[in-house]
Amino acid sequence: KNRAPENRLYDYTFNLTIISGHKDLMLNILKIFLIGIGRAKMLLSIL
């Protein structure tokens, strides 16, 4: 079963959070990641 890279990253981040208990850290990583996806989509729409 192939999963999208962002799903894998989310799973990894989520598992890391459960282990470490740093919810704020996970939210920040996720926010940065989502901003990155947004920028990539913007660039693609410009091209």
N, C-alpha and C. Protein backbone atom coordinates (compact mmCIF):
# COMPACT_ATOMS: atom_id res chain seq x y z
N LYS A 1 0.85 -1.20 0.00
CA LYS A 1 0.00 0.00 0.00
C LYS A 1 0.88 1.25 0.00
N ASN A 2 0.86 1.97 -1.09
CA ASN A 2 1.66 3.18 -1.21
C ASN A 2 0.91 4.36 -0.60
N ARG A 3 1.63 5.14 0.18
CA ARG A 3 1.01 6.31 0.79
C ARG A 3 1.73 7.55 0.31
N ALA A 4 1.00 8.64 0.30
CA ALA A 4 1.60 9.90 -0.12
C ALA A 4 2.70 10.29 0.87
N PRO A 5 3.77 10.92 0.38
CA PRO A 5 4.89 11.31 1.25
C PRO A 5 4.44 12.16 2.43
N GLU A 6 3.46 13.06 2.20
CA GLU A 6 3.02 13.91 3.31
C GLU A 6 2.33 13.09 4.39
N ASN A 7 1.65 11.99 4.00
CA ASN A 7 1.04 11.12 5.00
C ASN A 7 2.11 10.43 5.83
N ARG A 8 3.17 9.99 5.17
CA ARG A 8 4.26 9.32 5.88
C ARG A 8 4.92 10.29 6.85
N LEU A 9 5.13 11.52 6.39
CA LEU A 9 5.77 12.52 7.25
C LEU A 9 4.88 12.81 8.44
N TYR A 10 3.57 12.90 8.19
CA TYR A 10 2.63 13.17 9.27
C TYR A 10 2.66 12.03 10.29
N ASP A 11 2.63 10.79 9.79
CA ASP A 11 2.68 9.62 10.68
C ASP A 11 3.94 9.65 11.52
N TYR A 12 5.07 9.94 10.87
CA TYR A 12 6.36 9.99 11.56
C TYR A 12 6.33 11.06 12.64
N THR A 13 5.84 12.24 12.27
CA THR A 13 5.78 13.36 13.22
C THR A 13 4.86 13.02 14.38
N PHE A 14 3.72 12.40 14.06
CA PHE A 14 2.73 12.04 15.07
C PHE A 14 3.30 11.02 16.05
N ASN A 15 3.98 9.98 15.51
CA ASN A 15 4.59 8.96 16.36
C ASN A 15 5.66 9.57 17.25
N LEU A 16 6.45 10.47 16.68
CA LEU A 16 7.50 11.16 17.42
C LEU A 16 6.88 11.93 18.58
N THR A 17 5.73 12.55 18.30
CA THR A 17 5.05 13.36 19.30
C THR A 17 4.54 12.50 20.45
N ILE A 18 3.97 11.36 20.12
CA ILE A 18 3.45 10.46 21.15
C ILE A 18 4.59 10.01 22.06
N ILE A 19 5.74 9.72 21.45
CA ILE A 19 6.90 9.27 22.22
C ILE A 19 7.44 10.39 23.10
N SER A 20 7.58 11.57 22.52
CA SER A 20 8.22 12.68 23.23
C SER A 20 7.23 13.51 24.03
N GLY A 21 5.97 13.53 23.57
CA GLY A 21 4.96 14.30 24.27
C GLY A 21 5.00 15.79 23.95
N HIS A 22 5.74 16.16 22.91
CA HIS A 22 5.85 17.58 22.56
C HIS A 22 4.82 17.94 21.49
N LYS A 23 3.60 18.24 21.94
CA LYS A 23 2.53 18.55 20.99
C LYS A 23 2.82 19.84 20.23
N ASP A 24 3.35 20.84 20.93
CA ASP A 24 3.66 22.12 20.29
C ASP A 24 4.66 21.93 19.16
N LEU A 25 5.64 21.07 19.43
CA LEU A 25 6.67 20.81 18.42
C LEU A 25 6.04 20.20 17.17
N MET A 26 5.13 19.25 17.37
CA MET A 26 4.47 18.61 16.24
C MET A 26 3.67 19.63 15.44
N LEU A 27 2.94 20.48 16.14
CA LEU A 27 2.11 21.48 15.46
C LEU A 27 2.98 22.43 14.66
N ASN A 28 4.13 22.81 15.20
CA ASN A 28 5.04 23.70 14.47
C ASN A 28 5.59 23.03 13.23
N ILE A 29 6.00 21.77 13.36
CA ILE A 29 6.53 21.03 12.22
C ILE A 29 5.45 20.90 11.14
N LEU A 30 4.24 20.57 11.58
CA LEU A 30 3.13 20.40 10.65
C LEU A 30 2.82 21.72 9.94
N LYS A 31 2.85 22.82 10.72
CA LYS A 31 2.57 24.14 10.16
C LYS A 31 3.60 24.49 9.08
N ILE A 32 4.88 24.27 9.41
CA ILE A 32 5.96 24.55 8.46
C ILE A 32 5.77 23.70 7.21
N PHE A 33 5.41 22.43 7.43
CA PHE A 33 5.23 21.50 6.32
C PHE A 33 4.07 21.93 5.42
N LEU A 34 2.95 22.32 6.05
CA LEU A 34 1.78 22.74 5.28
C LEU A 34 2.06 24.03 4.51
N ILE A 35 2.81 24.94 5.13
CA ILE A 35 3.21 26.18 4.44
C ILE A 35 4.05 25.83 3.23
N GLY A 36 4.94 24.85 3.39
CA GLY A 36 5.79 24.40 2.29
C GLY A 36 4.96 23.85 1.14
N ILE A 37 3.93 23.05 1.45
CA ILE A 37 3.05 22.50 0.41
C ILE A 37 2.31 23.64 -0.29
N GLY A 38 1.83 24.61 0.50
CA GLY A 38 1.13 25.76 -0.06
C GLY A 38 2.00 26.52 -1.04
N ARG A 39 3.27 26.73 -0.67
CA ARG A 39 4.19 27.46 -1.54
C ARG A 39 4.45 26.67 -2.81
N ALA A 40 4.61 25.36 -2.68
CA ALA A 40 4.87 24.51 -3.85
C ALA A 40 3.68 24.57 -4.81
N LYS A 41 2.46 24.52 -4.27
CA LYS A 41 1.27 24.59 -5.11
C LYS A 41 1.16 25.95 -5.79
N MET A 42 1.52 27.01 -5.06
CA MET A 42 1.51 28.35 -5.64
C MET A 42 2.48 28.42 -6.80
N LEU A 43 3.68 27.89 -6.60
CA LEU A 43 4.70 27.90 -7.66
C LEU A 43 4.20 27.14 -8.88
N LEU A 44 3.58 25.99 -8.64
CA LEU A 44 3.07 25.17 -9.75
C LEU A 44 1.97 25.90 -10.51
N SER A 45 1.13 26.63 -9.78
CA SER A 45 0.03 27.33 -10.45
C SER A 45 0.55 28.51 -11.26
N ILE A 46 1.68 29.08 -10.84
CA ILE A 46 2.30 30.19 -11.57
C ILE A 46 2.89 29.68 -12.88
N LEU A 47 3.52 28.50 -12.82
CA LEU A 47 4.20 27.95 -14.00
C LEU A 47 3.23 27.54 -15.11
